[in-house]
Amino acid sequence: MTLVWRAKPHEAEAVAGLLVEFRDWLGRSLPTDESFAASVHRLIAEPDTEYLLGSVGPGSDPAAVCQLRFRFGVWLDAGDCWLEDLFVSRDARRSGLGAALVETALSRARERGCARVELDVNESNAAAIALYERFGFGAFSESLGARDLLMRLAL
């Protein structure tokens, strides 16, 4: 039985540890462990950020994490949720934790009055894409007839 809960400030180290594990899985060396810890401690106290933790059962250590960022969207005249950094530890994969995190994230977004949830996913991550598609996520187009793209500029 999987469990998912909203992380409390005293669980910031568990959140940061899972994000470091995600960084390592991505093959990156930055941000540093210390930077992750400081960032999580900062964000976990902000009202527009939530971290969800998941475990494979009662008494088990957290083995999955995702971050939710909330903001008000003028185009929707409603709340908007960004789901990011969803990660399940190697040993807990295929346990249903990823789906449980997405389901809880959608519930949290609805509870907070959000009209949509958005995310980005690497196109080579077929398992993640399949997970998100099960919940109805997909590339989308608006009235212009073409898909919207996530674009980025590093400053």
N, C-alpha and C. Protein backbone atom coordinates (compact mmCIF):
# COMPACT_ATOMS: atom_id res chain seq x y z
N MET A 1 0.84 -1.18 0.00
CA MET A 1 0.00 0.00 0.00
C MET A 1 0.89 1.25 0.00
N THR A 2 0.77 2.06 -1.02
CA THR A 2 1.56 3.29 -1.09
C THR A 2 0.93 4.38 -0.24
N LEU A 3 1.78 5.23 0.29
CA LEU A 3 1.33 6.38 1.08
C LEU A 3 1.93 7.64 0.48
N VAL A 4 1.13 8.70 0.40
CA VAL A 4 1.60 10.00 -0.07
C VAL A 4 1.11 11.05 0.90
N TRP A 5 1.99 11.98 1.25
CA TRP A 5 1.62 13.04 2.16
C TRP A 5 2.38 14.32 1.80
N ARG A 6 1.83 15.44 2.30
CA ARG A 6 2.49 16.73 2.11
C ARG A 6 3.62 16.82 3.11
N ALA A 7 4.82 17.09 2.60
CA ALA A 7 6.00 17.16 3.47
C ALA A 7 5.89 18.35 4.40
N LYS A 8 6.31 18.14 5.62
CA LYS A 8 6.37 19.19 6.64
C LYS A 8 7.81 19.72 6.70
N PRO A 9 8.01 20.92 7.25
CA PRO A 9 9.36 21.48 7.32
C PRO A 9 10.40 20.55 7.93
N HIS A 10 10.02 19.75 8.92
CA HIS A 10 11.00 18.85 9.53
C HIS A 10 11.41 17.70 8.59
N GLU A 11 10.72 17.57 7.44
CA GLU A 11 11.05 16.54 6.47
C GLU A 11 11.86 17.09 5.28
N ALA A 12 12.34 18.32 5.42
CA ALA A 12 13.10 18.96 4.33
C ALA A 12 14.32 18.13 3.93
N GLU A 13 14.98 17.52 4.89
CA GLU A 13 16.17 16.71 4.55
C GLU A 13 15.80 15.51 3.69
N ALA A 14 14.67 14.88 3.97
CA ALA A 14 14.23 13.74 3.15
C ALA A 14 13.91 14.21 1.74
N VAL A 15 13.25 15.37 1.61
CA VAL A 15 12.94 15.93 0.30
C VAL A 15 14.24 16.20 -0.46
N ALA A 16 15.16 16.90 0.18
CA ALA A 16 16.43 17.25 -0.46
C ALA A 16 17.21 15.99 -0.85
N GLY A 17 17.20 14.99 -0.01
CA GLY A 17 17.90 13.75 -0.32
C GLY A 17 17.36 13.07 -1.57
N LEU A 18 16.04 13.06 -1.71
CA LEU A 18 15.44 12.47 -2.91
C LEU A 18 15.73 13.31 -4.16
N LEU A 19 15.77 14.63 -4.00
CA LEU A 19 16.11 15.48 -5.14
C LEU A 19 17.57 15.30 -5.55
N VAL A 20 18.44 15.08 -4.59
CA VAL A 20 19.85 14.78 -4.91
C VAL A 20 19.92 13.45 -5.67
N GLU A 21 19.14 12.47 -5.22
CA GLU A 21 19.11 11.18 -5.91
C GLU A 21 18.59 11.36 -7.35
N PHE A 22 17.61 12.24 -7.54
CA PHE A 22 17.10 12.56 -8.87
C PHE A 22 18.20 13.20 -9.73
N ARG A 23 18.91 14.16 -9.14
CA ARG A 23 20.02 14.81 -9.85
C ARG A 23 21.03 13.77 -10.32
N ASP A 24 21.38 12.86 -9.42
CA ASP A 24 22.35 11.82 -9.77
C ASP A 24 21.82 10.91 -10.88
N TRP A 25 20.54 10.57 -10.81
CA TRP A 25 19.91 9.72 -11.84
C TRP A 25 19.97 10.42 -13.20
N LEU A 26 19.85 11.76 -13.19
CA LEU A 26 19.94 12.54 -14.43
C LEU A 26 21.37 12.65 -14.94
N GLY A 27 22.35 12.22 -14.13
CA GLY A 27 23.76 12.29 -14.54
C GLY A 27 24.37 13.66 -14.38
N ARG A 28 23.82 14.43 -13.48
CA ARG A 28 24.32 15.79 -13.24
C ARG A 28 25.10 15.86 -11.94
N SER A 29 25.90 16.90 -11.80
CA SER A 29 26.64 17.11 -10.56
C SER A 29 26.17 18.36 -9.82
N LEU A 30 25.38 19.17 -10.46
CA LEU A 30 24.87 20.41 -9.85
C LEU A 30 23.35 20.42 -9.93
N PRO A 31 22.71 21.08 -9.01
CA PRO A 31 23.20 21.81 -7.84
C PRO A 31 23.85 20.87 -6.83
N THR A 32 24.62 21.46 -5.95
CA THR A 32 25.29 20.67 -4.91
C THR A 32 24.27 20.16 -3.91
N ASP A 33 24.67 19.17 -3.13
CA ASP A 33 23.81 18.66 -2.05
C ASP A 33 23.40 19.80 -1.12
N GLU A 34 24.37 20.65 -0.79
CA GLU A 34 24.10 21.76 0.13
C GLU A 34 23.11 22.75 -0.46
N SER A 35 23.23 22.99 -1.77
CA SER A 35 22.30 23.90 -2.43
C SER A 35 20.88 23.34 -2.42
N PHE A 36 20.74 22.04 -2.69
CA PHE A 36 19.43 21.42 -2.61
C PHE A 36 18.84 21.57 -1.21
N ALA A 37 19.64 21.28 -0.21
CA ALA A 37 19.15 21.37 1.17
C ALA A 37 18.69 22.79 1.50
N ALA A 38 19.50 23.79 1.14
CA ALA A 38 19.14 25.18 1.43
C ALA A 38 17.89 25.59 0.66
N SER A 39 17.79 25.19 -0.59
CA SER A 39 16.62 25.55 -1.40
C SER A 39 15.34 24.92 -0.87
N VAL A 40 15.41 23.66 -0.51
CA VAL A 40 14.23 22.99 0.03
C VAL A 40 13.81 23.63 1.35
N HIS A 41 14.77 23.91 2.23
CA HIS A 41 14.43 24.57 3.50
C HIS A 41 13.75 25.91 3.25
N ARG A 42 14.19 26.63 2.24
CA ARG A 42 13.58 27.92 1.91
C ARG A 42 12.17 27.73 1.35
N LEU A 43 12.03 26.84 0.37
CA LEU A 43 10.76 26.70 -0.33
C LEU A 43 9.68 26.00 0.47
N ILE A 44 10.06 25.06 1.31
CA ILE A 44 9.06 24.29 2.05
C ILE A 44 8.24 25.18 3.00
N ALA A 45 8.79 26.33 3.35
CA ALA A 45 8.08 27.26 4.24
C ALA A 45 7.21 28.25 3.47
N GLU A 46 7.33 28.30 2.14
CA GLU A 46 6.56 29.26 1.35
C GLU A 46 5.17 28.70 1.06
N PRO A 47 4.14 29.55 1.13
CA PRO A 47 2.77 29.06 0.93
C PRO A 47 2.45 28.62 -0.50
N ASP A 48 3.24 29.04 -1.48
CA ASP A 48 2.96 28.68 -2.86
C ASP A 48 3.80 27.52 -3.37
N THR A 49 4.47 26.83 -2.46
CA THR A 49 5.24 25.63 -2.80
C THR A 49 4.84 24.51 -1.85
N GLU A 50 4.64 23.34 -2.40
CA GLU A 50 4.39 22.14 -1.59
C GLU A 50 5.26 21.02 -2.13
N TYR A 51 5.76 20.21 -1.24
CA TYR A 51 6.44 18.98 -1.61
C TYR A 51 5.58 17.82 -1.15
N LEU A 52 5.43 16.84 -2.02
CA LEU A 52 4.76 15.60 -1.66
C LEU A 52 5.82 14.52 -1.51
N LEU A 53 5.69 13.72 -0.48
CA LEU A 53 6.55 12.56 -0.27
C LEU A 53 5.71 11.31 -0.37
N GLY A 54 6.33 10.23 -0.80
CA GLY A 54 5.63 8.96 -0.89
C GLY A 54 6.50 7.83 -0.38
N SER A 55 5.83 6.82 0.17
CA SER A 55 6.54 5.62 0.61
C SER A 55 5.75 4.39 0.17
N VAL A 56 6.41 3.25 0.21
CA VAL A 56 5.77 2.02 -0.24
C VAL A 56 4.87 1.40 0.82
N GLY A 57 4.85 1.98 2.02
CA GLY A 57 3.96 1.47 3.05
C GLY A 57 4.25 2.09 4.39
N PRO A 58 3.38 1.83 5.37
CA PRO A 58 3.57 2.38 6.71
C PRO A 58 4.93 1.98 7.28
N GLY A 59 5.61 2.94 7.88
CA GLY A 59 6.91 2.69 8.48
C GLY A 59 8.06 2.70 7.51
N SER A 60 7.79 2.83 6.23
CA SER A 60 8.86 2.87 5.22
C SER A 60 9.36 4.30 5.05
N ASP A 61 10.64 4.43 4.75
CA ASP A 61 11.21 5.74 4.48
C ASP A 61 10.63 6.31 3.19
N PRO A 62 10.61 7.64 3.06
CA PRO A 62 10.16 8.23 1.80
C PRO A 62 11.02 7.73 0.64
N ALA A 63 10.36 7.36 -0.45
CA ALA A 63 11.05 6.83 -1.62
C ALA A 63 10.65 7.56 -2.89
N ALA A 64 9.84 8.60 -2.74
CA ALA A 64 9.39 9.36 -3.90
C ALA A 64 9.06 10.78 -3.48
N VAL A 65 9.20 11.70 -4.45
CA VAL A 65 8.98 13.12 -4.16
C VAL A 65 8.43 13.81 -5.40
N CYS A 66 7.68 14.87 -5.19
CA CYS A 66 7.40 15.82 -6.27
C CYS A 66 7.16 17.18 -5.66
N GLN A 67 7.41 18.17 -6.46
CA GLN A 67 7.25 19.56 -6.02
C GLN A 67 6.08 20.18 -6.78
N LEU A 68 5.26 20.92 -6.06
CA LEU A 68 4.15 21.64 -6.66
C LEU A 68 4.35 23.12 -6.42
N ARG A 69 4.21 23.91 -7.48
CA ARG A 69 4.32 25.37 -7.37
C ARG A 69 2.99 25.95 -7.81
N PHE A 70 2.44 26.85 -7.02
CA PHE A 70 1.14 27.43 -7.29
C PHE A 70 1.26 28.92 -7.56
N ARG A 71 0.44 29.40 -8.49
CA ARG A 71 0.36 30.83 -8.78
C ARG A 71 -1.02 31.12 -9.36
N PHE A 72 -1.39 32.38 -9.37
CA PHE A 72 -2.66 32.77 -9.98
C PHE A 72 -2.40 33.09 -11.44
N GLY A 73 -3.27 32.60 -12.32
CA GLY A 73 -3.11 32.83 -13.75
C GLY A 73 -4.18 33.77 -14.30
N VAL A 74 -3.76 34.87 -14.89
CA VAL A 74 -4.72 35.84 -15.41
C VAL A 74 -5.50 35.29 -16.61
N TRP A 75 -4.91 34.42 -17.42
CA TRP A 75 -5.60 33.87 -18.58
C TRP A 75 -6.71 32.91 -18.17
N LEU A 76 -6.58 32.35 -16.98
CA LEU A 76 -7.59 31.41 -16.49
C LEU A 76 -8.52 32.04 -15.46
N ASP A 77 -8.11 33.17 -14.90
CA ASP A 77 -8.81 33.77 -13.77
C ASP A 77 -8.98 32.74 -12.66
N ALA A 78 -7.90 31.98 -12.46
CA ALA A 78 -7.91 30.90 -11.47
C ALA A 78 -6.48 30.52 -11.14
N GLY A 79 -6.34 29.65 -10.18
CA GLY A 79 -5.03 29.14 -9.82
C GLY A 79 -4.45 28.26 -10.91
N ASP A 80 -3.13 28.17 -10.89
CA ASP A 80 -2.36 27.42 -11.86
C ASP A 80 -1.32 26.62 -11.06
N CYS A 81 -1.11 25.37 -11.41
CA CYS A 81 -0.16 24.53 -10.69
C CYS A 81 0.90 24.01 -11.65
N TRP A 82 2.15 24.09 -11.23
CA TRP A 82 3.28 23.52 -11.97
C TRP A 82 3.77 22.32 -11.17
N LEU A 83 3.70 21.14 -11.78
CA LEU A 83 4.18 19.91 -11.15
C LEU A 83 5.60 19.69 -11.65
N GLU A 84 6.56 19.63 -10.74
CA GLU A 84 7.94 19.44 -11.18
C GLU A 84 8.69 18.47 -10.26
N ASP A 85 9.77 17.98 -10.80
CA ASP A 85 10.69 17.14 -10.04
C ASP A 85 10.03 15.91 -9.43
N LEU A 86 9.16 15.25 -10.19
CA LEU A 86 8.60 13.99 -9.71
C LEU A 86 9.66 12.92 -9.90
N PHE A 87 9.99 12.25 -8.80
CA PHE A 87 11.04 11.23 -8.82
C PHE A 87 10.68 10.09 -7.88
N VAL A 88 10.90 8.86 -8.34
CA VAL A 88 10.71 7.67 -7.53
C VAL A 88 12.05 6.94 -7.48
N SER A 89 12.51 6.62 -6.28
CA SER A 89 13.78 5.89 -6.11
C SER A 89 13.74 4.57 -6.86
N ARG A 90 14.92 4.15 -7.30
CA ARG A 90 15.04 2.93 -8.11
C ARG A 90 14.33 1.73 -7.47
N ASP A 91 14.53 1.50 -6.19
CA ASP A 91 13.96 0.32 -5.53
C ASP A 91 12.45 0.39 -5.38
N ALA A 92 11.86 1.59 -5.51
CA ALA A 92 10.42 1.74 -5.34
C ALA A 92 9.67 1.87 -6.66
N ARG A 93 10.39 1.83 -7.76
CA ARG A 93 9.73 1.96 -9.06
C ARG A 93 8.83 0.77 -9.31
N ARG A 94 7.77 1.02 -10.06
CA ARG A 94 6.76 0.01 -10.40
C ARG A 94 5.93 -0.40 -9.19
N SER A 95 5.97 0.42 -8.13
CA SER A 95 5.17 0.15 -6.93
C SER A 95 3.86 0.93 -6.93
N GLY A 96 3.69 1.82 -7.89
CA GLY A 96 2.50 2.67 -7.92
C GLY A 96 2.72 4.03 -7.29
N LEU A 97 3.94 4.27 -6.80
CA LEU A 97 4.20 5.56 -6.14
C LEU A 97 4.11 6.74 -7.10
N GLY A 98 4.59 6.59 -8.32
CA GLY A 98 4.50 7.68 -9.28
C GLY A 98 3.06 8.08 -9.52
N ALA A 99 2.21 7.09 -9.75
CA ALA A 99 0.78 7.37 -9.97
C ALA A 99 0.15 7.98 -8.73
N ALA A 100 0.52 7.49 -7.57
CA ALA A 100 -0.03 8.03 -6.32
C ALA A 100 0.38 9.50 -6.14
N LEU A 101 1.62 9.83 -6.51
CA LEU A 101 2.06 11.23 -6.43
C LEU A 101 1.26 12.11 -7.39
N VAL A 102 1.08 11.65 -8.63
CA VAL A 102 0.33 12.45 -9.61
C VAL A 102 -1.11 12.63 -9.13
N GLU A 103 -1.72 11.56 -8.67
CA GLU A 103 -3.10 11.64 -8.18
C GLU A 103 -3.23 12.63 -7.03
N THR A 104 -2.30 12.58 -6.10
CA THR A 104 -2.33 13.51 -4.97
C THR A 104 -2.06 14.94 -5.43
N ALA A 105 -1.14 15.11 -6.37
CA ALA A 105 -0.86 16.44 -6.91
C ALA A 105 -2.11 17.03 -7.55
N LEU A 106 -2.83 16.24 -8.32
CA LEU A 106 -4.07 16.72 -8.94
C LEU A 106 -5.11 17.09 -7.88
N SER A 107 -5.19 16.29 -6.85
CA SER A 107 -6.13 16.61 -5.75
C SER A 107 -5.75 17.90 -5.06
N ARG A 108 -4.46 18.09 -4.79
CA ARG A 108 -4.01 19.33 -4.14
C ARG A 108 -4.31 20.54 -5.03
N ALA A 109 -4.09 20.40 -6.34
CA ALA A 109 -4.37 21.50 -7.26
C ALA A 109 -5.86 21.84 -7.25
N ARG A 110 -6.69 20.82 -7.27
CA ARG A 110 -8.15 21.08 -7.21
C ARG A 110 -8.53 21.76 -5.90
N GLU A 111 -7.98 21.27 -4.79
CA GLU A 111 -8.28 21.85 -3.48
C GLU A 111 -7.89 23.32 -3.42
N ARG A 112 -6.84 23.68 -4.13
CA ARG A 112 -6.36 25.07 -4.12
C ARG A 112 -7.00 25.92 -5.22
N GLY A 113 -7.99 25.37 -5.91
CA GLY A 113 -8.74 26.13 -6.90
C GLY A 113 -8.04 26.30 -8.24
N CYS A 114 -7.12 25.41 -8.55
CA CYS A 114 -6.40 25.52 -9.81
C CYS A 114 -7.27 25.05 -10.98
N ALA A 115 -7.12 25.73 -12.10
CA ALA A 115 -7.84 25.36 -13.32
C ALA A 115 -7.01 24.45 -14.22
N ARG A 116 -5.70 24.36 -13.96
CA ARG A 116 -4.86 23.48 -14.76
C ARG A 116 -3.61 23.10 -13.98
N VAL A 117 -3.00 22.02 -14.44
CA VAL A 117 -1.70 21.57 -13.94
C VAL A 117 -0.82 21.39 -15.16
N GLU A 118 0.37 21.95 -15.11
CA GLU A 118 1.32 21.81 -16.20
C GLU A 118 2.60 21.19 -15.68
N LEU A 119 3.36 20.62 -16.60
CA LEU A 119 4.64 20.01 -16.26
C LEU A 119 5.49 19.93 -17.52
N ASP A 120 6.75 19.63 -17.32
CA ASP A 120 7.60 19.31 -18.47
C ASP A 120 8.20 17.94 -18.22
N VAL A 121 8.49 17.26 -19.30
CA VAL A 121 9.07 15.92 -19.21
C VAL A 121 9.97 15.73 -20.43
N ASN A 122 11.09 15.08 -20.22
CA ASN A 122 12.01 14.83 -21.32
C ASN A 122 11.37 13.82 -22.27
N GLU A 123 11.44 14.11 -23.56
CA GLU A 123 10.78 13.25 -24.54
C GLU A 123 11.35 11.84 -24.59
N SER A 124 12.54 11.63 -24.03
CA SER A 124 13.12 10.28 -24.01
C SER A 124 12.65 9.46 -22.81
N ASN A 125 11.91 10.08 -21.89
CA ASN A 125 11.46 9.40 -20.68
C ASN A 125 10.07 8.80 -20.93
N ALA A 126 10.06 7.69 -21.67
CA ALA A 126 8.80 7.06 -22.08
C ALA A 126 7.93 6.64 -20.90
N ALA A 127 8.55 6.16 -19.83
CA ALA A 127 7.77 5.73 -18.66
C ALA A 127 7.03 6.91 -18.03
N ALA A 128 7.71 8.04 -17.90
CA ALA A 128 7.07 9.22 -17.31
C ALA A 128 5.96 9.74 -18.22
N ILE A 129 6.22 9.77 -19.51
CA ILE A 129 5.20 10.24 -20.46
C ILE A 129 3.96 9.36 -20.37
N ALA A 130 4.17 8.05 -20.33
CA ALA A 130 3.04 7.12 -20.23
C ALA A 130 2.26 7.35 -18.93
N LEU A 131 2.97 7.59 -17.85
CA LEU A 131 2.31 7.87 -16.57
C LEU A 131 1.44 9.11 -16.68
N TYR A 132 2.01 10.19 -17.18
CA TYR A 132 1.25 11.44 -17.28
C TYR A 132 0.08 11.31 -18.25
N GLU A 133 0.27 10.60 -19.34
CA GLU A 133 -0.82 10.41 -20.30
C GLU A 133 -1.97 9.62 -19.69
N ARG A 134 -1.68 8.69 -18.78
CA ARG A 134 -2.75 7.95 -18.09
C ARG A 134 -3.69 8.88 -17.35
N PHE A 135 -3.15 10.01 -16.91
CA PHE A 135 -3.96 10.98 -16.17
C PHE A 135 -4.54 12.07 -17.06
N GLY A 136 -4.32 11.95 -18.37
CA GLY A 136 -4.89 12.91 -19.31
C GLY A 136 -3.97 14.03 -19.75
N PHE A 137 -2.73 14.05 -19.29
CA PHE A 137 -1.77 15.05 -19.75
C PHE A 137 -1.41 14.76 -21.20
N GLY A 138 -1.09 15.81 -21.92
CA GLY A 138 -0.63 15.64 -23.28
C GLY A 138 -0.12 16.95 -23.83
N ALA A 139 0.63 16.86 -24.91
CA ALA A 139 1.04 18.07 -25.62
C ALA A 139 -0.25 18.72 -26.11
N PHE A 140 -0.29 20.01 -26.09
CA PHE A 140 -1.56 20.66 -26.42
C PHE A 140 -1.36 21.79 -27.40
N SER A 141 -2.45 22.15 -28.04
CA SER A 141 -2.44 23.29 -28.94
C SER A 141 -3.62 24.18 -28.61
N GLU A 142 -3.44 25.43 -28.86
CA GLU A 142 -4.51 26.40 -28.62
C GLU A 142 -5.08 26.79 -29.98
N SER A 143 -5.65 27.93 -30.07
CA SER A 143 -6.33 28.35 -31.29
C SER A 143 -5.40 28.52 -32.49
N LEU A 144 -4.10 28.58 -32.27
CA LEU A 144 -3.17 28.77 -33.38
C LEU A 144 -2.92 27.48 -34.17
N GLY A 145 -3.41 26.35 -33.65
CA GLY A 145 -3.30 25.10 -34.37
C GLY A 145 -1.97 24.38 -34.24
N ALA A 146 -1.09 24.85 -33.38
CA ALA A 146 0.21 24.20 -33.20
C ALA A 146 0.43 23.95 -31.71
N ARG A 147 1.27 22.97 -31.42
CA ARG A 147 1.56 22.67 -30.03
C ARG A 147 2.31 23.80 -29.36
N ASP A 148 2.01 24.02 -28.08
CA ASP A 148 2.80 24.97 -27.30
C ASP A 148 4.09 24.28 -26.89
N LEU A 149 5.17 25.04 -26.81
CA LEU A 149 6.46 24.51 -26.44
C LEU A 149 6.92 25.15 -25.14
N LEU A 150 7.56 24.38 -24.31
CA LEU A 150 8.22 24.94 -23.13
C LEU A 150 9.53 25.53 -23.64
N MET A 151 9.75 26.80 -23.37
CA MET A 151 10.98 27.45 -23.80
C MET A 151 11.71 27.97 -22.57
N ARG A 152 13.02 28.13 -22.68
CA ARG A 152 13.82 28.49 -21.52
C ARG A 152 14.93 29.43 -21.93
N LEU A 153 15.27 30.36 -21.05
CA LEU A 153 16.42 31.22 -21.21
C LEU A 153 17.15 31.22 -19.88
N ALA A 154 18.37 30.78 -19.86
CA ALA A 154 19.19 30.81 -18.65
C ALA A 154 19.76 32.20 -18.48
N LEU A 155 19.60 32.77 -17.31
CA LEU A 155 20.12 34.11 -17.03
C LEU A 155 21.34 34.05 -16.13
